[in-house]
Amino acid sequence: MKKWIVSIILIALITIPVSCFAASVTPQVFTFAGHNDVMTLGVSQMNDEMSALIMYALNESLIRNSYNEIIPGLAESYDVSEDGTVYTFHLRDAKWSYGVPVTAKDFEYSFLRTMNPETGSSQVSEFDSILNAQAYYNGEITDASLVGVKAVDEKTLVLTLTYNDSFFTTEMAEGINFYPFREDYVEKYGMSYASSPETFIGCGPFVLKEWVQGARITLEKNPEYWNADKVKLERVVELIIPDETPESECMTSAKST
């Protein structure tokens, strides 16, 4: 799957390309229509465009790509070793939507779970340049501690690469599988994880309030988001309208309240 540049996703939130589309915006609510439902909100399994778009609103990665410029996300800053193989990310004070701090361990767990062959992720190639990542997801090694992903403390994540990959930060900033998620939620809900507002937790600009399969998805502003003051919308609604007629005959409508 092609990677999603953050600036493109931001534009897509306003002018999402669906064959039959209409939208209107107010300072508080944005409503749009699309004919594709979200396939999954499980970070490790995500590989479709609509899921990536919704996840971008619900979660936050370490860094972002904004108009071809890499900017901080949940990492307030990061350092790179002289040989270009060790990246040390320093997390800002950020919280999950229910008020618990986001930690480096959440990223470590997320990355390693995606690489774990038992997870069956189709997106493991995004981690190719990380030390021992390929050997781990190919089953050549089974000790996750040998993989170059380490949460040194609650605010420090160290990623060690096999070689100096000049595209690594770009891949991270554009990729859709570099988000954190909580181990306790995965363990608690198992196969039902991320299948409903009750089983999903994020740390992005919005929270998942409603997900009616095949009908609509409703997001509301996350007051716990570290940059909430910059989020102007109070609610985002996707109306899922199946594409059952030719584009030339299709008419959809969306409204703001």
Protein backbone atom coordinates (compact mmCIF):
# COMPACT_ATOMS: atom_id res chain seq x y z
CA MET A 1 0.00 0.00 0.00
CA LYS A 2 1.27 3.44 -0.77
CA LYS A 3 2.20 5.62 2.18
CA TRP A 4 0.03 8.62 3.10
CA ILE A 5 1.73 11.96 3.32
CA VAL A 6 0.26 13.90 6.19
CA SER A 7 -0.47 16.99 4.16
CA ILE A 8 -2.44 14.91 1.67
CA ILE A 9 -4.45 13.32 4.47
CA LEU A 10 -5.21 16.75 5.91
CA ILE A 11 -6.52 17.88 2.55
CA ALA A 12 -8.43 14.61 2.19
CA LEU A 13 -10.26 15.32 5.44
CA ILE A 14 -11.80 18.31 3.70
CA THR A 15 -12.00 17.10 0.11
CA ILE A 16 -11.87 13.31 0.40
CA PRO A 17 -11.87 11.83 -3.11
CA VAL A 18 -14.96 9.66 -3.49
CA SER A 19 -16.78 9.22 -6.76
CA CYS A 20 -19.98 10.80 -5.44
CA PHE A 21 -19.35 13.47 -2.86
CA ALA A 22 -20.73 16.56 -1.26
CA ALA A 23 -19.66 18.26 1.95
CA SER A 24 -20.10 21.42 3.92
CA VAL A 25 -18.13 22.91 6.77
CA THR A 26 -18.98 25.01 9.79
CA PRO A 27 -16.55 26.13 12.50
CA GLN A 28 -17.73 23.21 14.68
CA VAL A 29 -18.81 20.25 12.55
CA PHE A 30 -17.52 18.69 9.33
CA THR A 31 -19.67 16.07 7.59
CA PHE A 32 -18.62 14.14 4.49
CA ALA A 33 -19.90 11.20 2.47
CA GLY A 34 -17.89 8.23 1.29
CA HIS A 35 -18.71 4.81 -0.12
CA ASN A 36 -16.02 2.92 1.82
CA ASP A 37 -16.31 1.84 5.43
CA VAL A 38 -13.25 1.55 7.66
CA MET A 39 -11.78 -1.93 7.37
CA THR A 40 -10.05 -1.88 10.76
CA LEU A 41 -8.73 0.45 13.45
CA GLY A 42 -6.18 -2.10 14.56
CA VAL A 43 -2.83 -0.46 13.78
CA SER A 44 -1.03 -3.72 12.96
CA GLN A 45 -3.65 -4.87 10.44
CA MET A 46 -4.39 -1.51 8.80
CA ASN A 47 -3.68 -1.35 5.07
CA ASP A 48 -6.54 0.55 3.43
CA GLU A 49 -7.02 4.22 2.64
CA MET A 50 -10.18 4.96 4.63
CA SER A 51 -8.83 3.30 7.78
CA ALA A 52 -5.65 5.37 7.40
CA LEU A 53 -7.65 8.57 7.06
CA ILE A 54 -9.78 7.92 10.15
CA MET A 55 -6.79 6.69 12.16
CA TYR A 56 -4.94 9.90 11.36
CA ALA A 57 -7.70 11.79 13.18
CA LEU A 58 -7.85 9.35 16.10
CA ASN A 59 -4.18 8.72 16.82
CA GLU A 60 -0.74 10.33 16.68
CA SER A 61 2.66 9.11 15.54
CA LEU A 62 6.09 10.23 16.72
CA ILE A 63 6.60 12.57 13.76
CA ARG A 64 4.45 13.90 10.91
CA ASN A 65 4.95 15.00 7.34
CA SER A 66 3.29 18.36 6.77
CA TYR A 67 3.63 19.80 3.27
CA ASN A 68 6.85 17.84 2.70
CA GLU A 69 8.29 18.98 6.04
CA ILE A 70 8.80 16.56 8.91
CA ILE A 71 7.36 18.07 12.09
CA PRO A 72 7.02 16.82 15.67
CA GLY A 73 4.11 14.61 16.63
CA LEU A 74 4.16 12.82 19.97
CA ALA A 75 7.94 13.13 19.88
CA GLU A 76 8.82 16.64 20.98
CA SER A 77 12.29 16.12 19.49
CA TYR A 78 14.67 13.41 18.34
CA ASP A 79 18.43 12.87 17.99
CA VAL A 80 20.33 10.88 15.36
CA SER A 81 23.73 9.30 15.94
CA GLU A 82 26.68 10.39 13.82
CA ASP A 83 26.57 7.20 11.76
CA GLY A 84 22.84 7.63 11.16
CA THR A 85 21.81 4.29 12.66
CA VAL A 86 20.42 5.25 16.10
CA TYR A 87 17.36 7.46 16.52
CA THR A 88 16.42 8.62 19.99
CA PHE A 89 12.91 10.04 20.28
CA HIS A 90 11.93 12.20 23.25
CA LEU A 91 8.20 12.06 23.91
CA ARG A 92 6.25 15.14 24.93
CA ASP A 93 3.69 15.17 27.74
CA ALA A 94 0.75 13.58 25.95
CA LYS A 95 -2.22 11.52 27.09
CA TRP A 96 -4.55 8.86 25.82
CA SER A 97 -8.12 10.09 25.48
CA TYR A 98 -9.02 8.78 28.95
CA GLY A 99 -6.23 10.75 30.62
CA VAL A 100 -3.44 8.16 31.01
CA PRO A 101 0.03 9.29 29.78
CA VAL A 102 1.33 8.02 26.45
CA THR A 103 4.67 6.29 27.04
CA ALA A 104 7.54 5.00 24.96
CA LYS A 105 6.46 1.51 25.97
CA ASP A 106 3.22 2.00 24.01
CA PHE A 107 5.28 2.58 20.86
CA GLU A 108 7.59 -0.33 21.60
CA TYR A 109 4.64 -2.66 22.07
CA SER A 110 2.93 -1.44 18.91
CA PHE A 111 5.98 -1.76 16.65
CA LEU A 112 6.96 -5.20 17.95
CA ARG A 113 3.43 -6.51 17.73
CA THR A 114 3.21 -5.45 14.10
CA MET A 115 6.52 -7.21 13.40
CA ASN A 116 5.49 -10.38 15.27
CA PRO A 117 4.78 -13.09 12.67
CA GLU A 118 1.83 -14.31 14.75
CA THR A 119 0.10 -10.98 14.12
CA GLY A 120 0.09 -11.57 10.38
CA SER A 121 0.50 -7.92 9.43
CA SER A 122 0.83 -7.07 5.75
CA GLN A 123 2.74 -3.89 6.61
CA VAL A 124 5.90 -5.32 8.19
CA SER A 125 8.07 -4.09 5.32
CA GLU A 126 7.72 -0.55 6.73
CA PHE A 127 10.10 -1.66 9.49
CA ASP A 128 12.68 -3.28 7.20
CA SER A 129 15.60 -1.01 8.10
CA ILE A 130 15.24 -1.56 11.87
CA LEU A 131 17.87 -3.89 13.35
CA ASN A 132 16.73 -7.56 13.21
CA ALA A 133 13.19 -6.59 12.19
CA GLN A 134 13.20 -8.79 9.10
CA ALA A 135 14.71 -11.73 10.97
CA TYR A 136 12.03 -11.37 13.64
CA TYR A 137 9.00 -11.25 11.39
CA ASN A 138 10.44 -13.98 9.17
CA GLY A 139 10.72 -16.21 12.23
CA GLU A 140 14.50 -16.48 12.07
CA ILE A 141 14.75 -15.13 15.62
CA THR A 142 12.07 -15.28 18.31
CA ASP A 143 13.58 -13.00 20.95
CA ALA A 144 11.94 -9.58 20.56
CA SER A 145 14.64 -8.00 22.74
CA LEU A 146 17.08 -8.45 19.84
CA VAL A 147 15.03 -6.12 17.64
CA GLY A 148 16.19 -2.50 17.51
CA VAL A 149 13.15 -1.06 19.29
CA LYS A 150 13.72 -0.08 22.94
CA ALA A 151 11.72 1.97 25.41
CA VAL A 152 14.57 3.25 27.60
CA ASP A 153 12.16 4.98 29.96
CA GLU A 154 8.63 6.39 29.83
CA LYS A 155 9.65 9.30 27.63
CA THR A 156 12.51 7.87 25.55
CA LEU A 157 12.27 5.48 22.60
CA VAL A 158 15.43 4.32 20.83
CA LEU A 159 15.27 2.82 17.33
CA THR A 160 18.43 1.17 16.02
CA LEU A 161 18.79 0.59 12.29
CA THR A 162 20.82 -1.99 10.41
CA TYR A 163 22.21 0.71 8.15
CA ASN A 164 22.00 4.45 7.56
CA ASP A 165 18.59 4.75 5.90
CA SER A 166 18.21 8.31 4.64
CA PHE A 167 14.50 7.73 4.03
CA PHE A 168 13.71 6.37 7.49
CA THR A 169 12.16 9.49 9.01
CA THR A 170 10.18 10.12 5.83
CA GLU A 171 8.83 6.57 5.97
CA MET A 172 7.91 7.00 9.62
CA ALA A 173 6.21 10.33 9.05
CA GLU A 174 4.21 9.07 6.07
CA GLY A 175 3.54 5.52 7.22
CA ILE A 176 0.22 4.37 8.67
CA ASN A 177 1.55 1.70 11.02
CA PHE A 178 3.81 3.77 13.29
CA TYR A 179 1.07 4.67 15.76
CA PRO A 180 1.11 3.53 19.39
CA PHE A 181 -1.56 1.42 21.02
CA ARG A 182 -2.12 0.06 24.49
CA GLU A 183 -1.24 -3.51 25.41
CA ASP A 184 -3.94 -3.64 28.08
CA TYR A 185 -6.66 -2.92 25.51
CA VAL A 186 -5.40 -5.66 23.20
CA GLU A 187 -5.23 -8.15 26.05
CA LYS A 188 -8.65 -7.18 27.40
CA TYR A 189 -10.59 -7.27 24.13
CA GLY A 190 -8.63 -9.78 22.07
CA MET A 191 -10.17 -10.29 18.63
CA SER A 192 -12.71 -7.53 19.39
CA TYR A 193 -9.99 -4.92 19.91
CA ALA A 194 -10.58 -1.70 17.92
CA SER A 195 -13.94 -2.90 16.58
CA SER A 196 -16.06 -0.29 18.40
CA PRO A 197 -15.76 2.93 20.43
CA GLU A 198 -15.74 0.83 23.60
CA THR A 199 -12.81 -1.33 22.50
CA PHE A 200 -10.63 1.36 20.92
CA ILE A 201 -8.46 4.03 22.52
CA GLY A 202 -6.46 6.76 20.78
CA CYS A 203 -4.35 9.81 21.57
CA GLY A 204 -5.04 11.97 18.53
CA PRO A 205 -7.08 15.12 17.86
CA PHE A 206 -10.40 13.24 17.95
CA VAL A 207 -12.03 10.33 19.78
CA LEU A 208 -14.25 7.64 18.28
CA LYS A 209 -17.79 8.23 19.54
CA GLU A 210 -19.85 6.15 17.13
CA TRP A 211 -19.19 3.49 14.51
CA VAL A 212 -22.24 1.99 12.84
CA GLN A 213 -20.86 -0.50 10.35
CA GLY A 214 -21.85 0.42 6.82
CA ALA A 215 -23.67 3.57 7.93
CA ARG A 216 -21.62 6.24 9.70
CA ILE A 217 -18.62 7.07 11.84
CA THR A 218 -18.66 9.95 14.32
CA LEU A 219 -15.55 11.53 15.83
CA GLU A 220 -15.51 14.20 18.52
CA LYS A 221 -12.74 16.53 19.62
CA ASN A 222 -10.36 15.00 22.15
CA PRO A 223 -9.92 17.40 25.11
CA GLU A 224 -6.88 15.38 26.25
CA TYR A 225 -4.98 15.89 22.98
CA TRP A 226 -1.71 17.72 23.60
CA ASN A 227 -2.45 20.27 20.86
CA ALA A 228 -6.21 20.51 21.40
CA ASP A 229 -6.17 24.32 21.26
CA LYS A 230 -5.29 24.11 17.56
CA VAL A 231 -8.18 21.74 16.74
CA LYS A 232 -11.08 23.91 15.56
CA LEU A 233 -13.67 21.25 14.76
CA GLU A 234 -15.84 19.80 17.50
CA ARG A 235 -17.10 16.86 15.47
CA VAL A 236 -16.35 14.97 12.26
CA VAL A 237 -18.97 12.67 10.71
CA GLU A 238 -18.52 10.26 7.81
CA LEU A 239 -21.74 9.09 6.16
CA ILE A 240 -21.04 5.75 4.47
CA ILE A 241 -23.00 5.53 1.25
CA PRO A 242 -22.29 2.38 -0.81
CA ASP A 243 -21.28 3.03 -4.40
CA GLU A 244 -24.10 1.08 -6.08
CA THR A 245 -24.76 3.33 -9.09
CA PRO A 246 -22.61 4.73 -11.90
CA GLU A 247 -20.66 7.84 -11.00
CA SER A 248 -22.59 9.96 -13.45
CA GLU A 249 -25.92 9.06 -11.81
CA CYS A 250 -24.81 9.09 -8.20
CA MET A 251 -25.89 11.80 -5.87
CA THR A 252 -24.89 12.10 -2.23
CA SER A 253 -25.44 14.80 0.31
CA ALA A 254 -23.86 15.83 3.57
CA LYS A 255 -24.89 18.39 6.10
CA SER A 256 -23.34 20.33 8.94
CA THR A 257 -25.11 21.16 12.15
